[in-house]
PDB file of N, CA and C in Angstrom:
ATOM      1  N   MET A   1      -8.439  -2.268  -2.785  1.00  0.00           N
ATOM      2  CA  MET A   1      -7.483  -1.186  -2.639  1.00  0.00           C
ATOM      3  C   MET A   1      -7.712  -0.519  -1.281  1.00  0.00           C
ATOM      4  N   GLU A   2      -6.636   0.018  -0.767  1.00  0.00           N
ATOM      5  CA  GLU A   2      -6.670   0.628   0.554  1.00  0.00           C
ATOM      6  C   GLU A   2      -5.754   1.847   0.563  1.00  0.00           C
ATOM      7  N   ILE A   3      -6.120   2.850   1.350  1.00  0.00           N
ATOM      8  CA  ILE A   3      -5.294   4.047   1.492  1.00  0.00           C
ATOM      9  C   ILE A   3      -4.532   3.943   2.801  1.00  0.00           C
ATOM     10  N   GLY A   4      -3.254   4.315   2.762  1.00  0.00           N
ATOM     11  CA  GLY A   4      -2.448   4.242   3.964  1.00  0.00           C
ATOM     12  C   GLY A   4      -1.324   5.261   3.936  1.00  0.00           C
ATOM     13  N   LYS A   5      -0.598   5.333   5.029  1.00  0.00           N
ATOM     14  CA  LYS A   5       0.532   6.253   5.175  1.00  0.00           C
ATOM     15  C   LYS A   5       1.786   5.411   5.387  1.00  0.00           C
ATOM     16  N   VAL A   6       2.843   5.716   4.611  1.00  0.00           N
ATOM     17  CA  VAL A   6       4.114   5.010   4.765  1.00  0.00           C
ATOM     18  C   VAL A   6       4.762   5.484   6.059  1.00  0.00           C
ATOM     19  N   ILE A   7       5.045   4.519   6.961  1.00  0.00           N
ATOM     20  CA  ILE A   7       5.595   4.875   8.273  1.00  0.00           C
ATOM     21  C   ILE A   7       7.006   4.342   8.483  1.00  0.00           C
ATOM     22  N   GLY A   8       7.522   3.572   7.534  1.00  0.00           N
ATOM     23  CA  GLY A   8       8.870   3.053   7.714  1.00  0.00           C
ATOM     24  C   GLY A   8       9.325   2.207   6.546  1.00  0.00           C
ATOM     25  N   THR A   9      10.581   1.801   6.611  1.00  0.00           N
ATOM     26  CA  THR A   9      11.150   0.922   5.597  1.00  0.00           C
ATOM     27  C   THR A   9      11.510  -0.412   6.240  1.00  0.00           C
ATOM     28  N   ILE A  10      11.593  -1.431   5.412  1.00  0.00           N
ATOM     29  CA  ILE A  10      11.961  -2.767   5.879  1.00  0.00           C
ATOM     30  C   ILE A  10      13.320  -3.101   5.268  1.00  0.00           C
ATOM     31  N   VAL A  11      14.257  -3.512   6.112  1.00  0.00           N
ATOM     32  CA  VAL A  11      15.576  -3.923   5.646  1.00  0.00           C
ATOM     33  C   VAL A  11      15.748  -5.389   6.014  1.00  0.00           C
ATOM     34  N   SER A  12      16.157  -6.196   5.021  1.00  0.00           N
ATOM     35  CA  SER A  12      16.313  -7.622   5.259  1.00  0.00           C
ATOM     36  C   SER A  12      17.540  -8.137   4.521  1.00  0.00           C
ATOM     37  N   THR A  13      18.398  -8.851   5.222  1.00  0.00           N
ATOM     38  CA  THR A  13      19.586  -9.402   4.574  1.00  0.00           C
ATOM     39  C   THR A  13      19.263 -10.703   3.857  1.00  0.00           C
ATOM     40  N   ILE A  14      18.267 -11.427   4.339  1.00  0.00           N
ATOM     41  CA  ILE A  14      17.846 -12.675   3.704  1.00  0.00           C
ATOM     42  C   ILE A  14      16.363 -12.561   3.405  1.00  0.00           C
ATOM     43  N   LYS A  15      16.005 -12.773   2.139  1.00  0.00           N
ATOM     44  CA  LYS A  15      14.602 -12.676   1.751  1.00  0.00           C
ATOM     45  C   LYS A  15      14.333 -13.565   0.542  1.00  0.00           C
ATOM     46  N   HIS A  16      13.068 -13.763   0.257  1.00  0.00           N
ATOM     47  CA  HIS A  16      12.662 -14.570  -0.896  1.00  0.00           C
ATOM     48  C   HIS A  16      13.241 -13.942  -2.162  1.00  0.00           C
ATOM     49  N   PRO A  17      13.685 -14.751  -3.119  1.00  0.00           N
ATOM     50  CA  PRO A  17      14.262 -14.214  -4.358  1.00  0.00           C
ATOM     51  C   PRO A  17      13.354 -13.224  -5.097  1.00  0.00           C
ATOM     52  N   ALA A  18      12.041 -13.363  -4.966  1.00  0.00           N
ATOM     53  CA  ALA A  18      11.105 -12.451  -5.638  1.00  0.00           C
ATOM     54  C   ALA A  18      11.228 -11.021  -5.120  1.00  0.00           C
ATOM     55  N   TYR A  19      11.783 -10.850  -3.904  1.00  0.00           N
ATOM     56  CA  TYR A  19      11.906  -9.527  -3.309  1.00  0.00           C
ATOM     57  C   TYR A  19      13.251  -8.847  -3.597  1.00  0.00           C
ATOM     58  N   HIS A  20      14.189  -9.554  -4.213  1.00  0.00           N
ATOM     59  CA  HIS A  20      15.506  -8.951  -4.500  1.00  0.00           C
ATOM     60  C   HIS A  20      15.346  -7.759  -5.436  1.00  0.00           C
ATOM     61  N   GLY A  21      15.965  -6.649  -5.056  1.00  0.00           N
ATOM     62  CA  GLY A  21      15.884  -5.434  -5.856  1.00  0.00           C
ATOM     63  C   GLY A  21      14.606  -4.645  -5.650  1.00  0.00           C
ATOM     64  N   LYS A  22      13.740  -5.087  -4.759  1.00  0.00           N
ATOM     65  CA  LYS A  22      12.472  -4.401  -4.488  1.00  0.00           C
ATOM     66  C   LYS A  22      12.546  -3.705  -3.135  1.00  0.00           C
ATOM     67  N   LYS A  23      11.986  -2.498  -3.059  1.00  0.00           N
ATOM     68  CA  LYS A  23      11.932  -1.762  -1.789  1.00  0.00           C
ATOM     69  C   LYS A  23      10.677  -2.192  -1.039  1.00  0.00           C
ATOM     70  N   LEU A  24      10.842  -2.541   0.224  1.00  0.00           N
ATOM     71  CA  LEU A  24       9.720  -2.928   1.079  1.00  0.00           C
ATOM     72  C   LEU A  24       9.439  -1.795   2.058  1.00  0.00           C
ATOM     73  N   LEU A  25       8.177  -1.402   2.151  1.00  0.00           N
ATOM     74  CA  LEU A  25       7.787  -0.310   3.033  1.00  0.00           C
ATOM     75  C   LEU A  25       6.733  -0.772   4.025  1.00  0.00           C
ATOM     76  N   LEU A  26       6.732  -0.154   5.189  1.00  0.00           N
ATOM     77  CA  LEU A  26       5.735  -0.406   6.219  1.00  0.00           C
ATOM     78  C   LEU A  26       4.643   0.649   6.067  1.00  0.00           C
ATOM     79  N   VAL A  27       3.408   0.199   5.874  1.00  0.00           N
ATOM     80  CA  VAL A  27       2.282   1.100   5.609  1.00  0.00           C
ATOM     81  C   VAL A  27       1.230   0.942   6.707  1.00  0.00           C
ATOM     82  N   GLN A  28       0.804   2.083   7.270  1.00  0.00           N
ATOM     83  CA  GLN A  28      -0.278   2.104   8.265  1.00  0.00           C
ATOM     84  C   GLN A  28      -1.572   2.431   7.539  1.00  0.00           C
ATOM     85  N   PRO A  29      -2.496   1.451   7.413  1.00  0.00           N
ATOM     86  CA  PRO A  29      -3.766   1.742   6.749  1.00  0.00           C
ATOM     87  C   PRO A  29      -4.546   2.824   7.502  1.00  0.00           C
ATOM     88  N   MET A  30      -5.228   3.681   6.750  1.00  0.00           N
ATOM     89  CA  MET A  30      -6.068   4.710   7.365  1.00  0.00           C
ATOM     90  C   MET A  30      -7.369   4.055   7.828  1.00  0.00           C
ATOM     91  N   HIS A  31      -7.997   4.648   8.851  1.00  0.00           N
ATOM     92  CA  HIS A  31      -9.217   4.069   9.399  1.00  0.00           C
ATOM     93  C   HIS A  31     -10.170   5.177   9.837  1.00  0.00           C
ATOM     94  N   GLN A  32     -11.399   4.791  10.076  1.00  0.00           N
ATOM     95  CA  GLN A  32     -12.409   5.720  10.583  1.00  0.00           C
ATOM     96  C   GLN A  32     -12.125   5.980  12.063  1.00  0.00           C
ATOM     97  N   PRO A  33     -12.354   7.213  12.533  1.00  0.00           N
ATOM     98  CA  PRO A  33     -12.048   7.533  13.936  1.00  0.00           C
ATOM     99  C   PRO A  33     -12.728   6.615  14.949  1.00  0.00           C
ATOM    100  N   GLU A  34     -13.924   6.127  14.654  1.00  0.00           N
ATOM    101  CA  GLU A  34     -14.644   5.288  15.613  1.00  0.00           C
ATOM    102  C   GLU A  34     -14.236   3.821  15.551  1.00  0.00           C
ATOM    103  N   GLN A  35     -13.344   3.473  14.621  1.00  0.00           N
ATOM    104  CA  GLN A  35     -12.891   2.093  14.483  1.00  0.00           C
ATOM    105  C   GLN A  35     -11.486   1.939  15.055  1.00  0.00           C
ATOM    106  N   PRO A  36     -11.140   0.718  15.493  1.00  0.00           N
ATOM    107  CA  PRO A  36      -9.778   0.512  16.002  1.00  0.00           C
ATOM    108  C   PRO A  36      -8.758   0.644  14.877  1.00  0.00           C
ATOM    109  N   GLU A  37      -7.552   1.082  15.230  1.00  0.00           N
ATOM    110  CA  GLU A  37      -6.500   1.252  14.233  1.00  0.00           C
ATOM    111  C   GLU A  37      -6.022  -0.117  13.749  1.00  0.00           C
ATOM    112  N   PRO A  38      -6.019  -0.355  12.429  1.00  0.00           N
ATOM    113  CA  PRO A  38      -5.548  -1.644  11.914  1.00  0.00           C
ATOM    114  C   PRO A  38      -4.031  -1.765  12.044  1.00  0.00           C
ATOM    115  N   GLU A  39      -3.537  -2.991  12.014  1.00  0.00           N
ATOM    116  CA  GLU A  39      -2.094  -3.219  12.092  1.00  0.00           C
ATOM    117  C   GLU A  39      -1.426  -2.757  10.809  1.00  0.00           C
ATOM    118  N   ALA A  40      -0.185  -2.322  10.924  1.00  0.00           N
ATOM    119  CA  ALA A  40       0.591  -1.905   9.756  1.00  0.00           C
ATOM    120  C   ALA A  40       0.888  -3.124   8.888  1.00  0.00           C
ATOM    121  N   ILE A  41       1.071  -2.888   7.584  1.00  0.00           N
ATOM    122  CA  ILE A  41       1.341  -3.961   6.643  1.00  0.00           C
ATOM    123  C   ILE A  41       2.658  -3.696   5.914  1.00  0.00           C
ATOM    124  N   VAL A  42       3.255  -4.753   5.396  1.00  0.00           N
ATOM    125  CA  VAL A  42       4.448  -4.641   4.565  1.00  0.00           C
ATOM    126  C   VAL A  42       3.998  -4.693   3.117  1.00  0.00           C
ATOM    127  N   ALA A  43       4.482  -3.752   2.302  1.00  0.00           N
ATOM    128  CA  ALA A  43       4.100  -3.707   0.895  1.00  0.00           C
ATOM    129  C   ALA A  43       5.322  -3.454   0.023  1.00  0.00           C
ATOM    130  N   ILE A  44       5.327  -4.069  -1.149  1.00  0.00           N
ATOM    131  CA  ILE A  44       6.372  -3.784  -2.134  1.00  0.00           C
ATOM    132  C   ILE A  44       6.063  -2.423  -2.735  1.00  0.00           C
ATOM    133  N   ASP A  45       7.096  -1.599  -2.866  1.00  0.00           N
ATOM    134  CA  ASP A  45       6.917  -0.262  -3.433  1.00  0.00           C
ATOM    135  C   ASP A  45       7.039  -0.323  -4.953  1.00  0.00           C
ATOM    136  N   HIS A  46       5.949  -0.024  -5.643  1.00  0.00           N
ATOM    137  CA  HIS A  46       5.936  -0.004  -7.109  1.00  0.00           C
ATOM    138  C   HIS A  46       5.708   1.416  -7.620  1.00  0.00           C
ATOM    139  N   ALA A  47       5.765   2.410  -6.706  1.00  0.00           N
ATOM    140  CA  ALA A  47       5.451   3.794  -7.078  1.00  0.00           C
ATOM    141  C   ALA A  47       6.513   4.788  -6.605  1.00  0.00           C
ATOM    142  N   GLN A  48       7.648   4.313  -6.132  1.00  0.00           N
ATOM    143  CA  GLN A  48       8.725   5.158  -5.617  1.00  0.00           C
ATOM    144  C   GLN A  48       8.243   6.043  -4.463  1.00  0.00           C
ATOM    145  N   ALA A  49       7.522   5.449  -3.524  1.00  0.00           N
ATOM    146  CA  ALA A  49       7.006   6.160  -2.352  1.00  0.00           C
ATOM    147  C   ALA A  49       8.101   6.278  -1.298  1.00  0.00           C
ATOM    148  N   GLY A  50       7.848   7.157  -0.326  1.00  0.00           N
ATOM    149  CA  GLY A  50       8.778   7.340   0.772  1.00  0.00           C
ATOM    150  C   GLY A  50       8.034   7.541   2.078  1.00  0.00           C
ATOM    151  N   ILE A  51       8.775   7.594   3.164  1.00  0.00           N
ATOM    152  CA  ILE A  51       8.174   7.773   4.482  1.00  0.00           C
ATOM    153  C   ILE A  51       7.382   9.073   4.501  1.00  0.00           C
ATOM    154  N   GLY A  52       6.160   8.996   5.007  1.00  0.00           N
ATOM    155  CA  GLY A  52       5.276  10.156   5.093  1.00  0.00           C
ATOM    156  C   GLY A  52       4.308  10.274   3.930  1.00  0.00           C
ATOM    157  N   ASP A  53       4.545   9.541   2.841  1.00  0.00           N
ATOM    158  CA  ASP A  53       3.639   9.603   1.689  1.00  0.00           C
ATOM    159  C   ASP A  53       2.316   8.898   1.993  1.00  0.00           C
ATOM    160  N   THR A  54       1.243   9.442   1.462  1.00  0.00           N
ATOM    161  CA  THR A  54      -0.061   8.787   1.493  1.00  0.00           C
ATOM    162  C   THR A  54      -0.151   7.974   0.211  1.00  0.00           C
ATOM    163  N   VAL A  55      -0.428   6.678   0.349  1.00  0.00           N
ATOM    164  CA  VAL A  55      -0.334   5.771  -0.792  1.00  0.00           C
ATOM    165  C   VAL A  55      -1.606   4.942  -0.982  1.00  0.00           C
ATOM    166  N   LEU A  56      -1.736   4.417  -2.186  1.00  0.00           N
ATOM    167  CA  LEU A  56      -2.805   3.495  -2.538  1.00  0.00           C
ATOM    168  C   LEU A  56      -2.177   2.109  -2.603  1.00  0.00           C
ATOM    169  N   VAL A  57      -2.701   1.184  -1.809  1.00  0.00           N
ATOM    170  CA  VAL A  57      -2.126  -0.153  -1.701  1.00  0.00           C
ATOM    171  C   VAL A  57      -3.114  -1.183  -2.237  1.00  0.00           C
ATOM    172  N   MET A  58      -2.631  -2.028  -3.145  1.00  0.00           N
ATOM    173  CA  MET A  58      -3.428  -3.166  -3.614  1.00  0.00           C
ATOM    174  C   MET A  58      -3.093  -4.320  -2.683  1.00  0.00           C
ATOM    175  N   ARG A  59      -4.137  -4.885  -2.052  1.00  0.00           N
ATOM    176  CA  ARG A  59      -3.920  -5.982  -1.104  1.00  0.00           C
ATOM    177  C   ARG A  59      -4.613  -7.240  -1.592  1.00  0.00           C
ATOM    178  N   GLU A  60      -4.178  -7.721  -2.718  1.00  0.00           N
ATOM    179  CA  GLU A  60      -4.742  -8.929  -3.312  1.00  0.00           C
ATOM    180  C   GLU A  60      -3.612  -9.591  -4.087  1.00  0.00           C
ATOM    181  N   GLY A  61      -3.276 -10.814  -3.737  1.00  0.00           N
ATOM    182  CA  GLY A  61      -2.101 -11.480  -4.265  1.00  0.00           C
ATOM    183  C   GLY A  61      -2.010 -11.573  -5.771  1.00  0.00           C
ATOM    184  N   SER A  62      -3.070 -11.993  -6.427  1.00  0.00           N
ATOM    185  CA  SER A  62      -3.031 -12.153  -7.882  1.00  0.00           C
ATOM    186  C   SER A  62      -2.798 -10.816  -8.578  1.00  0.00           C
ATOM    187  N   GLY A  63      -3.503  -9.788  -8.156  1.00  0.00           N
ATOM    188  CA  GLY A  63      -3.315  -8.456  -8.731  1.00  0.00           C
ATOM    189  C   GLY A  63      -1.930  -7.908  -8.449  1.00  0.00           C
ATOM    190  N   ALA A  64      -1.415  -8.144  -7.238  1.00  0.00           N
ATOM    191  CA  ALA A  64      -0.078  -7.678  -6.873  1.00  0.00           C
ATOM    192  C   ALA A  64       0.980  -8.344  -7.742  1.00  0.00           C
ATOM    193  N   ARG A  65       0.820  -9.619  -8.008  1.00  0.00           N
ATOM    194  CA  ARG A  65       1.774 -10.318  -8.873  1.00  0.00           C
ATOM    195  C   ARG A  65       1.697  -9.804 -10.305  1.00  0.00           C
ATOM    196  N   GLN A  66       0.508  -9.427 -10.768  1.00  0.00           N
ATOM    197  CA  GLN A  66       0.378  -8.873 -12.116  1.00  0.00           C
ATOM    198  C   GLN A  66       1.057  -7.507 -12.210  1.00  0.00           C
ATOM    199  N   VAL A  67       0.874  -6.672 -11.197  1.00  0.00           N
ATOM    200  CA  VAL A  67       1.476  -5.336 -11.197  1.00  0.00           C
ATOM    201  C   VAL A  67       3.000  -5.432 -11.194  1.00  0.00           C
ATOM    202  N   THR A  68       3.546  -6.321 -10.377  1.00  0.00           N
ATOM    203  CA  THR A  68       5.004  -6.438 -10.270  1.00  0.00           C
ATOM    204  C   THR A  68       5.600  -7.328 -11.358  1.00  0.00           C
ATOM    205  N   ALA A  69       4.766  -8.056 -12.084  1.00  0.00           N
ATOM    206  CA  ALA A  69       5.205  -8.976 -13.147  1.00  0.00           C
ATOM    207  C   ALA A  69       6.153 -10.050 -12.616  1.00  0.00           C
ATOM    208  N   ILE A  70       5.898 -10.510 -11.382  1.00  0.00           N
ATOM    209  CA  ILE A  70       6.691 -11.581 -10.790  1.00  0.00           C
ATOM    210  C   ILE A  70       5.761 -12.775 -10.587  1.00  0.00           C
ATOM    211  N   LYS A  71       5.801 -13.699 -11.514  1.00  0.00           N
ATOM    212  CA  LYS A  71       4.892 -14.852 -11.488  1.00  0.00           C
ATOM    213  C   LYS A  71       5.190 -15.749 -10.283  1.00  0.00           C
ATOM    214  N   ASP A  72       4.133 -16.208  -9.636  1.00  0.00           N
ATOM    215  CA  ASP A  72       4.207 -17.156  -8.512  1.00  0.00           C
ATOM    216  C   ASP A  72       5.001 -16.647  -7.313  1.00  0.00           C
ATOM    217  N   ALA A  73       5.109 -15.340  -7.144  1.00  0.00           N
ATOM    218  CA  ALA A  73       5.819 -14.783  -5.995  1.00  0.00           C
ATOM    219  C   ALA A  73       4.887 -14.710  -4.780  1.00  0.00           C
ATOM    220  N   PRO A  74       5.439 -14.823  -3.573  1.00  0.00           N
ATOM    221  CA  PRO A  74       4.628 -14.718  -2.356  1.00  0.00           C
ATOM    222  C   PRO A  74       4.362 -13.244  -2.013  1.00  0.00           C
ATOM    223  N   ILE A  75       3.564 -12.584  -2.845  1.00  0.00           N
ATOM    224  CA  ILE A  75       3.272 -11.157  -2.676  1.00  0.00           C
ATOM    225  C   ILE A  75       1.785 -10.983  -2.419  1.00  0.00           C
ATOM    226  N   ILE A  76       1.451 -10.180  -1.419  1.00  0.00           N
ATOM    227  CA  ILE A  76       0.056  -9.870  -1.132  1.00  0.00           C
ATOM    228  C   ILE A  76      -0.213  -8.386  -1.322  1.00  0.00           C
ATOM    229  N   SER A  77       0.704  -7.527  -0.880  1.00  0.00           N
ATOM    230  CA  SER A  77       0.474  -6.080  -0.898  1.00  0.00           C
ATOM    231  C   SER A  77       1.520  -5.361  -1.734  1.00  0.00           C
ATOM    232  N   VAL A  78       1.040  -4.423  -2.570  1.00  0.00           N
ATOM    233  CA  VAL A  78       1.937  -3.629  -3.392  1.00  0.00           C
ATOM    234  C   VAL A  78       1.426  -2.193  -3.445  1.00  0.00           C
ATOM    235  N   ILE A  79       2.327  -1.232  -3.305  1.00  0.00           N
ATOM    236  CA  ILE A  79       1.957   0.186  -3.413  1.00  0.00           C
ATOM    237  C   ILE A  79       1.868   0.510  -4.900  1.00  0.00           C
ATOM    238  N   VAL A  80       0.693   0.933  -5.344  1.00  0.00           N
ATOM    239  CA  VAL A  80       0.477   1.197  -6.766  1.00  0.00           C
ATOM    240  C   VAL A  80       0.362   2.680  -7.092  1.00  0.00           C
ATOM    241  N   GLY A  81       0.291   3.542  -6.078  1.00  0.00           N
ATOM    242  CA  GLY A  81       0.202   4.967  -6.354  1.00  0.00           C
ATOM    243  C   GLY A  81       0.458   5.811  -5.119  1.00  0.00           C
ATOM    244  N   ILE A  82       0.866   7.053  -5.382  1.00  0.00           N
ATOM    245  CA  ILE A  82       1.063   8.048  -4.322  1.00  0.00           C
ATOM    246  C   ILE A  82      -0.043   9.078  -4.482  1.00  0.00           C
ATOM    247  N   LEU A  83      -0.770   9.354  -3.398  1.00  0.00           N
ATOM    248  CA  LEU A  83      -1.891  10.285  -3.450  1.00  0.00           C
ATOM    249  C   LEU A  83      -1.422  11.688  -3.067  1.00  0.00           C
ATOM    250  N   ASP A  84      -1.790  12.664  -3.885  1.00  0.00           N
ATOM    251  CA  ASP A  84      -1.442  14.053  -3.592  1.00  0.00           C
ATOM    252  C   ASP A  84      -2.367  14.645  -2.538  1.00  0.00           C
ATOM    253  N   SER A  85      -3.655  14.315  -2.612  1.00  0.00           N
ATOM    254  CA  SER A  85      -4.617  14.829  -1.634  1.00  0.00           C
ATOM    255  C   SER A  85      -5.812  13.889  -1.562  1.00  0.00           C
ATOM    256  N   ILE A  86      -6.541  14.003  -0.467  1.00  0.00           N
ATOM    257  CA  ILE A  86      -7.750  13.205  -0.254  1.00  0.00           C
ATOM    258  C   ILE A  86      -8.836  14.140   0.235  1.00  0.00           C
ATOM    259  N   ASP A  87     -10.022  14.056  -0.371  1.00  0.00           N
ATOM    260  CA  ASP A  87     -11.163  14.843   0.072  1.00  0.00           C
ATOM    261  C   ASP A  87     -12.139  13.885   0.737  1.00  0.00           C
ATOM    262  N   LEU A  88     -12.257  13.971   2.055  1.00  0.00           N
ATOM    263  CA  LEU A  88     -13.094  13.044   2.810  1.00  0.00           C
ATOM    264  C   LEU A  88     -14.543  13.493   2.924  1.00  0.00           C
ATOM    265  N   HIS A  89     -14.876  14.637   2.345  1.00  0.00           N
ATOM    266  CA  HIS A  89     -16.236  15.131   2.416  1.00  0.00           C
ATOM    267  C   HIS A  89     -17.049  14.523   1.285  1.00  0.00           C
ATOM    268  N   ALA A  90     -18.211  14.010   1.642  1.00  0.00           N
ATOM    269  CA  ALA A  90     -19.093  13.429   0.617  1.00  0.00           C
ATOM    270  C   ALA A  90     -19.663  14.549  -0.255  1.00  0.00           C
ATOM    271  N   PRO A  91     -19.840  14.270  -1.549  1.00  0.00           N
ATOM    272  CA  PRO A  91     -20.436  15.292  -2.417  1.00  0.00           C
ATOM    273  C   PRO A  91     -21.892  15.525  -2.027  1.00  0.00           C
ATOM    274  N   PRO A  92     -22.437  16.699  -2.331  1.00  0.00           N
ATOM    275  CA  PRO A  92     -23.839  16.953  -1.979  1.00  0.00           C
ATOM    276  C   PRO A  92     -24.755  15.993  -2.712  1.00  0.00           C
ATOM    277  N   ALA A  93     -25.838  15.619  -2.041  1.00  0.00           N
ATOM    278  CA  ALA A  93     -26.800  14.694  -2.640  1.00  0.00           C
ATOM    279  C   ALA A  93     -27.462  15.335  -3.864  1.00  0.00           C
ATOM    280  N   ALA A  94     -27.662  14.518  -4.864  1.00  0.00           N
ATOM    281  CA  ALA A  94     -28.303  15.010  -6.092  1.00  0.00           C
ATOM    282  C   ALA A  94     -29.780  15.275  -5.840  1.00  0.00           C
ATOM    283  N   LYS A  95     -30.259  16.378  -6.346  1.00  0.00           N
ATOM    284  CA  LYS A  95     -31.678  16.709  -6.196  1.00  0.00           C
ATOM    285  C   LYS A  95     -32.421  16.142  -7.399  1.00  0.00           C
ATOM    286  N   GLY A  96     -33.548  15.592  -7.125  1.00  0.00           N
ATOM    287  CA  GLY A  96     -34.248  15.034  -8.260  1.00  0.00           C
ATOM    288  C   GLY A  96     -35.600  14.709  -7.919  1.00  0.00           C
TER     289      GLY A  96
END
């Protein structure tokens, strides 16, 4: 799973039959400041996300096909959730 920000939509007049009726979104994965920015990915929207939403993306073909219930489809990435907030601060270490 990966966290990313929806930065655009994909419009296609010709596409694989598995994608008919599915919204395709362009997602920019989040990264650490000291690391290079990863390339944006195309993901099927399974959570009714929109541009600007912070989303949880499953990037594994078998799991993506299970979530979308489209057997043998050429799917790698699917948006499975919209995140309301993210806390990037680590919890305090347990004393013991």
